[in-house]
């Protein structure tokens, strides 16, 4: 056999092997063994550490009890995963929205979809759009506010990097809010009388007023910010899994799962006043 013949035969064998590998990998896409998963056979999901109601109950994502982890397990089942194959990875909110590699397939952490964030991470379709709630202690100026002008006169606090702070700046026109690293720091400042109140999503406000700061009240609701498109699943930028997860998420939403979870975990007082201008 000539060297040229041996070369071409070897090349054909190698090409055949590569074709088999690529064909097998393509065939496994959109299955639990999808090679694009962080760990094929597992659905790896990022979330906060710790986690809080009503998004996840008892600081236990794996329980499936809560709005967000309940949604994840429904989504996992739609994608073909057993509940035992869902793996949770803890992280801070800042880590979630930062650019770079992610140690999970997607994250769920009340993360709002914005144009700025879409420049460095990828998102699923929006699955929930919460209203904003004005949270205040009794006896301060926010209790009787009925307009944006009156809201602007208050002393506000907000957590750094959140769409809550963006709302204060871009919608209400508040330019001197006190900024804190963690939400718990905002609540401590409110208790200390350093600020009049804060702005957070309504579901979070329901938990805060029931457990974390029971002396606080939800004094008003505000309409969504048009620049905040709602909560979406967060992916590493240009993650090829987005389309598959989006299709599964759409199927879950179409089955009424999100509405059922909202009714179970995100119930609010229908008589709360709404300030729109």
C-alpha atoms as a PDB file:
ATOM      1  CA  UNK A   1       0.000   0.000   0.000  1.00  0.00           C
ATOM      2  CA  UNK A   2       1.424   3.373  -0.969  1.00  0.00           C
ATOM      3  CA  UNK A   3       1.819   6.134   1.580  1.00  0.00           C
ATOM      4  CA  UNK A   4      -0.736   8.228  -0.313  1.00  0.00           C
ATOM      5  CA  UNK A   5      -3.307   5.400  -0.223  1.00  0.00           C
ATOM      6  CA  UNK A   6      -2.716   4.842   3.477  1.00  0.00           C
ATOM      7  CA  UNK A   7      -3.106   8.562   4.112  1.00  0.00           C
ATOM      8  CA  UNK A   8      -6.429   8.753   2.306  1.00  0.00           C
ATOM      9  CA  UNK A   9      -7.753   5.615   3.999  1.00  0.00           C
ATOM     10  CA  UNK A  10      -6.777   7.014   7.380  1.00  0.00           C
ATOM     11  CA  UNK A  11      -8.439  10.318   6.551  1.00  0.00           C
ATOM     12  CA  UNK A  12     -11.653   8.547   5.541  1.00  0.00           C
ATOM     13  CA  UNK A  13     -11.707   6.579   8.794  1.00  0.00           C
ATOM     14  CA  UNK A  14     -11.111   9.748  10.839  1.00  0.00           C
ATOM     15  CA  UNK A  15     -13.814  11.615   8.916  1.00  0.00           C
ATOM     16  CA  UNK A  16     -16.204   8.738   9.497  1.00  0.00           C
ATOM     17  CA  UNK A  17     -15.501   8.785  13.235  1.00  0.00           C
ATOM     18  CA  UNK A  18     -15.958  12.550  13.443  1.00  0.00           C
ATOM     19  CA  UNK A  19     -19.230  12.318  11.519  1.00  0.00           C
ATOM     20  CA  UNK A  20     -20.470   9.674  13.934  1.00  0.00           C
ATOM     21  CA  UNK A  21     -19.527  11.794  16.940  1.00  0.00           C
ATOM     22  CA  UNK A  22     -21.181  14.923  15.566  1.00  0.00           C
ATOM     23  CA  UNK A  23     -24.275  13.006  14.493  1.00  0.00           C
ATOM     24  CA  UNK A  24     -24.599  11.441  17.939  1.00  0.00           C
ATOM     25  CA  UNK A  25     -24.140  14.819  19.658  1.00  0.00           C
ATOM     26  CA  UNK A  26     -26.771  16.418  17.423  1.00  0.00           C
ATOM     27  CA  UNK A  27     -29.159  13.537  18.065  1.00  0.00           C
ATOM     28  CA  UNK A  28     -28.804  14.071  21.828  1.00  0.00           C
ATOM     29  CA  UNK A  29     -29.675  17.766  21.662  1.00  0.00           C
ATOM     30  CA  UNK A  30     -32.947  18.618  23.414  1.00  0.00           C
ATOM     31  CA  UNK A  31     -32.671  15.458  25.502  1.00  0.00           C
ATOM     32  CA  UNK A  32     -31.532  15.038  29.093  1.00  0.00           C
ATOM     33  CA  UNK A  33     -28.122  14.025  27.734  1.00  0.00           C
ATOM     34  CA  UNK A  34     -27.746  17.191  25.670  1.00  0.00           C
ATOM     35  CA  UNK A  35     -23.965  17.839  25.478  1.00  0.00           C
ATOM     36  CA  UNK A  36     -24.620  21.570  25.757  1.00  0.00           C
ATOM     37  CA  UNK A  37     -25.746  21.159  29.374  1.00  0.00           C
ATOM     38  CA  UNK A  38     -23.220  22.021  32.099  1.00  0.00           C
ATOM     39  CA  UNK A  39     -23.549  18.383  33.203  1.00  0.00           C
ATOM     40  CA  UNK A  40     -25.329  16.153  30.696  1.00  0.00           C
ATOM     41  CA  UNK A  41     -28.020  14.188  32.503  1.00  0.00           C
ATOM     42  CA  UNK A  42     -28.593  16.998  35.004  1.00  0.00           C
ATOM     43  CA  UNK A  43     -30.402  20.340  34.837  1.00  0.00           C
ATOM     44  CA  UNK A  44     -28.197  22.748  36.792  1.00  0.00           C
ATOM     45  CA  UNK A  45     -30.003  25.841  38.060  1.00  0.00           C
ATOM     46  CA  UNK A  46     -28.563  28.925  39.743  1.00  0.00           C
ATOM     47  CA  UNK A  47     -30.462  30.824  42.436  1.00  0.00           C
ATOM     48  CA  UNK A  48     -29.919  32.961  45.523  1.00  0.00           C
ATOM     49  CA  UNK A  49     -28.226  31.804  48.693  1.00  0.00           C
ATOM     50  CA  UNK A  50     -30.198  32.066  50.875  1.00  0.00           C
ATOM     51  CA  UNK A  51     -33.609  32.054  49.171  1.00  0.00           C
ATOM     52  CA  UNK A  52     -36.781  33.622  50.516  1.00  0.00           C
ATOM     53  CA  UNK A  53     -40.553  33.172  50.361  1.00  0.00           C
ATOM     54  CA  UNK A  54     -42.729  33.476  48.407  1.00  0.00           C
ATOM     55  CA  UNK A  55     -40.183  32.716  45.681  1.00  0.00           C
ATOM     56  CA  UNK A  56     -38.889  29.612  47.506  1.00  0.00           C
ATOM     57  CA  UNK A  57     -40.074  28.428  50.908  1.00  0.00           C
ATOM     58  CA  UNK A  58     -38.015  27.320  53.929  1.00  0.00           C
ATOM     59  CA  UNK A  59     -34.694  28.290  52.295  1.00  0.00           C
ATOM     60  CA  UNK A  60     -34.854  25.018  50.345  1.00  0.00           C
ATOM     61  CA  UNK A  61     -34.881  25.237  46.535  1.00  0.00           C
ATOM     62  CA  UNK A  62     -35.023  21.442  46.220  1.00  0.00           C
ATOM     63  CA  UNK A  63     -38.370  21.301  48.044  1.00  0.00           C
ATOM     64  CA  UNK A  64     -40.192  22.664  45.001  1.00  0.00           C
ATOM     65  CA  UNK A  65     -42.357  24.720  47.370  1.00  0.00           C
ATOM     66  CA  UNK A  66     -42.524  28.291  46.162  1.00  0.00           C
ATOM     67  CA  UNK A  67     -43.227  30.258  43.007  1.00  0.00           C
ATOM     68  CA  UNK A  68     -39.784  30.042  41.400  1.00  0.00           C
ATOM     69  CA  UNK A  69     -38.677  26.540  42.363  1.00  0.00           C
ATOM     70  CA  UNK A  70     -42.169  25.269  41.629  1.00  0.00           C
ATOM     71  CA  UNK A  71     -41.789  26.700  38.135  1.00  0.00           C
ATOM     72  CA  UNK A  72     -38.324  25.147  37.720  1.00  0.00           C
ATOM     73  CA  UNK A  73     -39.550  21.638  38.529  1.00  0.00           C
ATOM     74  CA  UNK A  74     -42.460  21.993  36.095  1.00  0.00           C
ATOM     75  CA  UNK A  75     -39.996  23.224  33.474  1.00  0.00           C
ATOM     76  CA  UNK A  76     -37.581  20.375  34.199  1.00  0.00           C
ATOM     77  CA  UNK A  77     -40.360  17.819  33.744  1.00  0.00           C
ATOM     78  CA  UNK A  78     -41.327  19.434  30.442  1.00  0.00           C
ATOM     79  CA  UNK A  79     -37.703  19.058  29.312  1.00  0.00           C
ATOM     80  CA  UNK A  80     -37.644  15.390  30.334  1.00  0.00           C
ATOM     81  CA  UNK A  81     -35.749  15.609  33.645  1.00  0.00           C
ATOM     82  CA  UNK A  82     -36.751  13.839  36.833  1.00  0.00           C
ATOM     83  CA  UNK A  83     -36.935  16.000  39.948  1.00  0.00           C
ATOM     84  CA  UNK A  84     -33.842  14.242  41.339  1.00  0.00           C
ATOM     85  CA  UNK A  85     -31.877  15.394  38.290  1.00  0.00           C
ATOM     86  CA  UNK A  86     -32.284  19.093  39.118  1.00  0.00           C
ATOM     87  CA  UNK A  87     -29.112  20.477  40.753  1.00  0.00           C
ATOM     88  CA  UNK A  88     -29.133  23.848  42.530  1.00  0.00           C
ATOM     89  CA  UNK A  89     -26.174  26.253  42.625  1.00  0.00           C
ATOM     90  CA  UNK A  90     -26.159  29.162  45.082  1.00  0.00           C
ATOM     91  CA  UNK A  91     -24.934  32.631  44.136  1.00  0.00           C
ATOM     92  CA  UNK A  92     -25.383  36.318  44.917  1.00  0.00           C
ATOM     93  CA  UNK A  93     -27.530  38.545  42.738  1.00  0.00           C
ATOM     94  CA  UNK A  94     -24.451  40.464  41.562  1.00  0.00           C
ATOM     95  CA  UNK A  95     -22.828  37.207  40.445  1.00  0.00           C
ATOM     96  CA  UNK A  96     -25.943  36.303  38.494  1.00  0.00           C
ATOM     97  CA  UNK A  97     -26.088  39.478  36.425  1.00  0.00           C
ATOM     98  CA  UNK A  98     -22.316  39.771  35.907  1.00  0.00           C
ATOM     99  CA  UNK A  99     -20.800  38.844  32.520  1.00  0.00           C
ATOM    100  CA  UNK A 100     -18.744  35.700  32.048  1.00  0.00           C
ATOM    101  CA  UNK A 101     -19.030  31.953  32.400  1.00  0.00           C
ATOM    102  CA  UNK A 102     -21.855  30.542  34.505  1.00  0.00           C
ATOM    103  CA  UNK A 103     -21.664  27.260  36.484  1.00  0.00           C
ATOM    104  CA  UNK A 104     -25.279  26.429  35.620  1.00  0.00           C
ATOM    105  CA  UNK A 105     -27.602  26.050  32.653  1.00  0.00           C
ATOM    106  CA  UNK A 106     -29.783  28.969  33.706  1.00  0.00           C
ATOM    107  CA  UNK A 107     -30.578  30.990  36.821  1.00  0.00           C
ATOM    108  CA  UNK A 108     -33.887  31.990  38.391  1.00  0.00           C
ATOM    109  CA  UNK A 109     -33.678  34.750  40.997  1.00  0.00           C
ATOM    110  CA  UNK A 110     -36.321  37.421  40.337  1.00  0.00           C
ATOM    111  CA  UNK A 111     -34.051  38.717  37.583  1.00  0.00           C
ATOM    112  CA  UNK A 112     -35.606  41.420  35.436  1.00  0.00           C
ATOM    113  CA  UNK A 113     -34.950  41.490  31.697  1.00  0.00           C
ATOM    114  CA  UNK A 114     -33.496  44.845  30.642  1.00  0.00           C
ATOM    115  CA  UNK A 115     -31.708  46.025  27.520  1.00  0.00           C
ATOM    116  CA  UNK A 116     -28.567  46.827  29.506  1.00  0.00           C
ATOM    117  CA  UNK A 117     -28.366  43.332  30.972  1.00  0.00           C
ATOM    118  CA  UNK A 118     -29.022  41.730  27.581  1.00  0.00           C
ATOM    119  CA  UNK A 119     -25.685  43.116  26.426  1.00  0.00           C
ATOM    120  CA  UNK A 120     -23.798  40.764  28.782  1.00  0.00           C
ATOM    121  CA  UNK A 121     -26.149  37.842  29.552  1.00  0.00           C
ATOM    122  CA  UNK A 122     -28.960  36.079  27.698  1.00  0.00           C
ATOM    123  CA  UNK A 123     -32.558  35.667  28.830  1.00  0.00           C
ATOM    124  CA  UNK A 124     -35.525  33.421  28.253  1.00  0.00           C
ATOM    125  CA  UNK A 125     -38.924  34.839  27.469  1.00  0.00           C
ATOM    126  CA  UNK A 126     -40.497  36.727  30.360  1.00  0.00           C
ATOM    127  CA  UNK A 127     -42.503  34.491  32.685  1.00  0.00           C
ATOM    128  CA  UNK A 128     -43.711  37.052  35.241  1.00  0.00           C
ATOM    129  CA  UNK A 129     -44.145  40.823  35.462  1.00  0.00           C
ATOM    130  CA  UNK A 130     -44.590  41.964  39.077  1.00  0.00           C
ATOM    131  CA  UNK A 131     -45.996  45.280  40.165  1.00  0.00           C
ATOM    132  CA  UNK A 132     -43.830  47.532  42.308  1.00  0.00           C
ATOM    133  CA  UNK A 133     -44.809  48.060  45.939  1.00  0.00           C
ATOM    134  CA  UNK A 134     -44.085  51.095  48.113  1.00  0.00           C
ATOM    135  CA  UNK A 135     -42.971  49.844  51.530  1.00  0.00           C
ATOM    136  CA  UNK A 136     -42.960  52.157  54.547  1.00  0.00           C
ATOM    137  CA  UNK A 137     -43.261  52.235  58.313  1.00  0.00           C
ATOM    138  CA  UNK A 138     -46.321  53.846  59.905  1.00  0.00           C
ATOM    139  CA  UNK A 139     -46.303  57.574  60.462  1.00  0.00           C
ATOM    140  CA  UNK A 140     -44.144  58.879  57.630  1.00  0.00           C
ATOM    141  CA  UNK A 141     -44.864  60.908  54.532  1.00  0.00           C
ATOM    142  CA  UNK A 142     -45.294  57.926  52.216  1.00  0.00           C
ATOM    143  CA  UNK A 143     -48.421  56.707  53.984  1.00  0.00           C
ATOM    144  CA  UNK A 144     -50.623  59.368  52.428  1.00  0.00           C
ATOM    145  CA  UNK A 145     -48.844  59.887  49.110  1.00  0.00           C
ATOM    146  CA  UNK A 146     -51.176  59.873  46.094  1.00  0.00           C
ATOM    147  CA  UNK A 147     -48.933  61.136  43.272  1.00  0.00           C
ATOM    148  CA  UNK A 148     -45.429  60.844  41.871  1.00  0.00           C
ATOM    149  CA  UNK A 149     -44.725  64.397  43.063  1.00  0.00           C
ATOM    150  CA  UNK A 150     -45.494  63.424  46.646  1.00  0.00           C
ATOM    151  CA  UNK A 151     -43.425  60.245  46.337  1.00  0.00           C
ATOM    152  CA  UNK A 152     -40.437  62.277  45.153  1.00  0.00           C
ATOM    153  CA  UNK A 153     -40.487  64.285  48.389  1.00  0.00           C
ATOM    154  CA  UNK A 154     -39.721  61.180  50.491  1.00  0.00           C
ATOM    155  CA  UNK A 155     -36.328  59.857  51.564  1.00  0.00           C
ATOM    156  CA  UNK A 156     -35.816  56.637  49.626  1.00  0.00           C
ATOM    157  CA  UNK A 157     -33.488  53.682  49.990  1.00  0.00           C
ATOM    158  CA  UNK A 158     -32.714  50.991  47.429  1.00  0.00           C
ATOM    159  CA  UNK A 159     -30.403  48.045  46.804  1.00  0.00           C
ATOM    160  CA  UNK A 160     -27.536  48.621  44.387  1.00  0.00           C
ATOM    161  CA  UNK A 161     -27.855  47.218  40.862  1.00  0.00           C
ATOM    162  CA  UNK A 162     -31.594  46.483  41.072  1.00  0.00           C
ATOM    163  CA  UNK A 163     -34.444  47.529  38.804  1.00  0.00           C
ATOM    164  CA  UNK A 164     -36.077  48.909  41.958  1.00  0.00           C
ATOM    165  CA  UNK A 165     -33.424  51.624  42.029  1.00  0.00           C
ATOM    166  CA  UNK A 166     -33.795  52.091  38.259  1.00  0.00           C
ATOM    167  CA  UNK A 167     -37.515  52.687  38.800  1.00  0.00           C
ATOM    168  CA  UNK A 168     -36.838  55.357  41.405  1.00  0.00           C
ATOM    169  CA  UNK A 169     -34.507  57.180  39.019  1.00  0.00           C
ATOM    170  CA  UNK A 170     -36.155  56.658  35.637  1.00  0.00           C
ATOM    171  CA  UNK A 171     -39.859  56.661  36.504  1.00  0.00           C
ATOM    172  CA  UNK A 172     -40.242  58.633  39.724  1.00  0.00           C
ATOM    173  CA  UNK A 173     -37.308  60.965  39.103  1.00  0.00           C
ATOM    174  CA  UNK A 174     -35.717  60.320  42.499  1.00  0.00           C
ATOM    175  CA  UNK A 175     -32.056  61.300  42.204  1.00  0.00           C
ATOM    176  CA  UNK A 176     -30.809  61.123  45.807  1.00  0.00           C
ATOM    177  CA  UNK A 177     -31.890  57.719  47.078  1.00  0.00           C
ATOM    178  CA  UNK A 178     -29.607  56.099  49.652  1.00  0.00           C
ATOM    179  CA  UNK A 179     -28.001  53.039  48.058  1.00  0.00           C
ATOM    180  CA  UNK A 180     -27.234  49.858  50.029  1.00  0.00           C
ATOM    181  CA  UNK A 181     -25.378  46.678  49.155  1.00  0.00           C
ATOM    182  CA  UNK A 182     -28.066  44.287  50.412  1.00  0.00           C
ATOM    183  CA  UNK A 183     -31.836  44.498  50.772  1.00  0.00           C
ATOM    184  CA  UNK A 184     -31.606  43.730  54.470  1.00  0.00           C
ATOM    185  CA  UNK A 185     -29.508  46.903  54.860  1.00  0.00           C
ATOM    186  CA  UNK A 186     -32.371  48.906  53.341  1.00  0.00           C
ATOM    187  CA  UNK A 187     -34.785  47.501  55.915  1.00  0.00           C
ATOM    188  CA  UNK A 188     -32.386  48.302  58.756  1.00  0.00           C
ATOM    189  CA  UNK A 189     -32.099  51.889  57.525  1.00  0.00           C
ATOM    190  CA  UNK A 190     -35.875  52.153  57.394  1.00  0.00           C
ATOM    191  CA  UNK A 191     -36.181  50.884  60.968  1.00  0.00           C
ATOM    192  CA  UNK A 192     -33.500  53.336  62.080  1.00  0.00           C
ATOM    193  CA  UNK A 193     -35.425  56.252  60.564  1.00  0.00           C
ATOM    194  CA  UNK A 194     -32.681  57.011  58.035  1.00  0.00           C
ATOM    195  CA  UNK A 195     -35.095  56.596  55.096  1.00  0.00           C
ATOM    196  CA  UNK A 196     -38.885  56.812  54.754  1.00  0.00           C
ATOM    197  CA  UNK A 197     -39.321  53.753  52.606  1.00  0.00           C
ATOM    198  CA  UNK A 198     -38.248  51.594  49.725  1.00  0.00           C
ATOM    199  CA  UNK A 199     -39.577  50.205  46.479  1.00  0.00           C
ATOM    200  CA  UNK A 200     -39.608  46.437  45.833  1.00  0.00           C
ATOM    201  CA  UNK A 201     -41.588  43.912  43.834  1.00  0.00           C
ATOM    202  CA  UNK A 202     -45.018  43.167  45.244  1.00  0.00           C
ATOM    203  CA  UNK A 203     -44.382  39.454  45.973  1.00  0.00           C
ATOM    204  CA  UNK A 204     -41.220  40.310  47.896  1.00  0.00           C
ATOM    205  CA  UNK A 205     -43.082  43.046  49.764  1.00  0.00           C
ATOM    206  CA  UNK A 206     -45.723  40.535  50.855  1.00  0.00           C
ATOM    207  CA  UNK A 207     -43.047  38.393  52.483  1.00  0.00           C
ATOM    208  CA  UNK A 208     -41.195  41.338  53.992  1.00  0.00           C
ATOM    209  CA  UNK A 209     -44.295  42.718  55.693  1.00  0.00           C
ATOM    210  CA  UNK A 210     -45.286  39.263  56.957  1.00  0.00           C
ATOM    211  CA  UNK A 211     -41.895  38.083  58.245  1.00  0.00           C
ATOM    212  CA  UNK A 212     -38.868  40.347  57.909  1.00  0.00           C
ATOM    213  CA  UNK A 213     -40.322  43.755  58.816  1.00  0.00           C
ATOM    214  CA  UNK A 214     -43.836  43.026  60.102  1.00  0.00           C
ATOM    215  CA  UNK A 215     -44.280  46.581  61.358  1.00  0.00           C
ATOM    216  CA  UNK A 216     -43.963  47.895  57.780  1.00  0.00           C
ATOM    217  CA  UNK A 217     -46.879  48.303  55.405  1.00  0.00           C
ATOM    218  CA  UNK A 218     -47.432  48.200  51.669  1.00  0.00           C
ATOM    219  CA  UNK A 219     -48.854  51.688  51.229  1.00  0.00           C
ATOM    220  CA  UNK A 220     -49.276  51.751  47.444  1.00  0.00           C
ATOM    221  CA  UNK A 221     -48.625  49.919  44.200  1.00  0.00           C
ATOM    222  CA  UNK A 222     -46.946  51.367  41.114  1.00  0.00           C
ATOM    223  CA  UNK A 223     -47.315  50.233  37.493  1.00  0.00           C
ATOM    224  CA  UNK A 224     -44.475  48.289  35.821  1.00  0.00           C
ATOM    225  CA  UNK A 225     -41.561  50.177  34.284  1.00  0.00           C
ATOM    226  CA  UNK A 226     -41.707  49.898  30.481  1.00  0.00           C
ATOM    227  CA  UNK A 227     -37.912  49.395  30.518  1.00  0.00           C
ATOM    228  CA  UNK A 228     -38.277  46.444  32.888  1.00  0.00           C
ATOM    229  CA  UNK A 229     -39.808  43.694  30.816  1.00  0.00           C
ATOM    230  CA  UNK A 230     -40.371  41.357  33.747  1.00  0.00           C
ATOM    231  CA  UNK A 231     -38.615  38.314  35.162  1.00  0.00           C
ATOM    232  CA  UNK A 232     -36.793  35.921  32.856  1.00  0.00           C
ATOM    233  CA  UNK A 233     -34.448  32.978  33.234  1.00  0.00           C
ATOM    234  CA  UNK A 234     -30.835  34.132  32.943  1.00  0.00           C
ATOM    235  CA  UNK A 235     -28.200  32.328  30.831  1.00  0.00           C
ATOM    236  CA  UNK A 236     -24.560  32.813  30.062  1.00  0.00           C
ATOM    237  CA  UNK A 237     -24.364  35.140  27.062  1.00  0.00           C
ATOM    238  CA  UNK A 238     -25.306  33.397  23.790  1.00  0.00           C
ATOM    239  CA  UNK A 239     -25.967  30.080  25.529  1.00  0.00           C
ATOM    240  CA  UNK A 240     -27.325  27.690  22.848  1.00  0.00           C
ATOM    241  CA  UNK A 241     -29.790  26.197  25.365  1.00  0.00           C
ATOM    242  CA  UNK A 242     -32.015  29.287  25.320  1.00  0.00           C
ATOM    243  CA  UNK A 243     -34.224  28.126  22.451  1.00  0.00           C
ATOM    244  CA  UNK A 244     -34.884  24.693  23.975  1.00  0.00           C
ATOM    245  CA  UNK A 245     -35.635  26.138  27.403  1.00  0.00           C
ATOM    246  CA  UNK A 246     -37.833  28.833  25.859  1.00  0.00           C
ATOM    247  CA  UNK A 247     -39.916  26.237  24.031  1.00  0.00           C
ATOM    248  CA  UNK A 248     -40.387  24.275  27.253  1.00  0.00           C
ATOM    249  CA  UNK A 249     -41.180  27.441  29.213  1.00  0.00           C
ATOM    250  CA  UNK A 250     -43.802  28.430  26.652  1.00  0.00           C
ATOM    251  CA  UNK A 251     -45.445  25.021  26.983  1.00  0.00           C
ATOM    252  CA  UNK A 252     -45.497  25.355  30.783  1.00  0.00           C
ATOM    253  CA  UNK A 253     -46.993  28.867  30.600  1.00  0.00           C
ATOM    254  CA  UNK A 254     -49.605  27.749  28.064  1.00  0.00           C
ATOM    255  CA  UNK A 255     -50.700  24.988  30.462  1.00  0.00           C
ATOM    256  CA  UNK A 256     -51.538  27.627  33.056  1.00  0.00           C
ATOM    257  CA  UNK A 257     -48.752  26.651  35.457  1.00  0.00           C
ATOM    258  CA  UNK A 258     -47.567  30.216  36.096  1.00  0.00           C
ATOM    259  CA  UNK A 259     -51.096  31.424  36.809  1.00  0.00           C
ATOM    260  CA  UNK A 260     -51.613  28.529  39.227  1.00  0.00           C
ATOM    261  CA  UNK A 261     -48.335  29.314  41.021  1.00  0.00           C
ATOM    262  CA  UNK A 262     -49.254  33.000  41.227  1.00  0.00           C
ATOM    263  CA  UNK A 263     -52.597  32.125  42.777  1.00  0.00           C
ATOM    264  CA  UNK A 264     -50.899  29.870  45.317  1.00  0.00           C
ATOM    265  CA  UNK A 265     -47.909  31.979  46.325  1.00  0.00           C
ATOM    266  CA  UNK A 266     -48.314  35.586  45.136  1.00  0.00           C
ATOM    267  CA  UNK A 267     -51.683  36.712  46.473  1.00  0.00           C
ATOM    268  CA  UNK A 268     -52.036  40.432  47.272  1.00  0.00           C
ATOM    269  CA  UNK A 269     -54.701  42.684  48.761  1.00  0.00           C
ATOM    270  CA  UNK A 270     -56.927  43.752  45.841  1.00  0.00           C
ATOM    271  CA  UNK A 271     -57.778  47.016  47.643  1.00  0.00           C
ATOM    272  CA  UNK A 272     -54.217  48.391  47.711  1.00  0.00           C
ATOM    273  CA  UNK A 273     -54.117  51.904  46.163  1.00  0.00           C
ATOM    274  CA  UNK A 274     -52.345  52.301  42.827  1.00  0.00           C
ATOM    275  CA  UNK A 275     -50.396  55.470  42.015  1.00  0.00           C
ATOM    276  CA  UNK A 276     -49.966  55.980  38.257  1.00  0.00           C
ATOM    277  CA  UNK A 277     -48.807  59.570  37.850  1.00  0.00           C
END
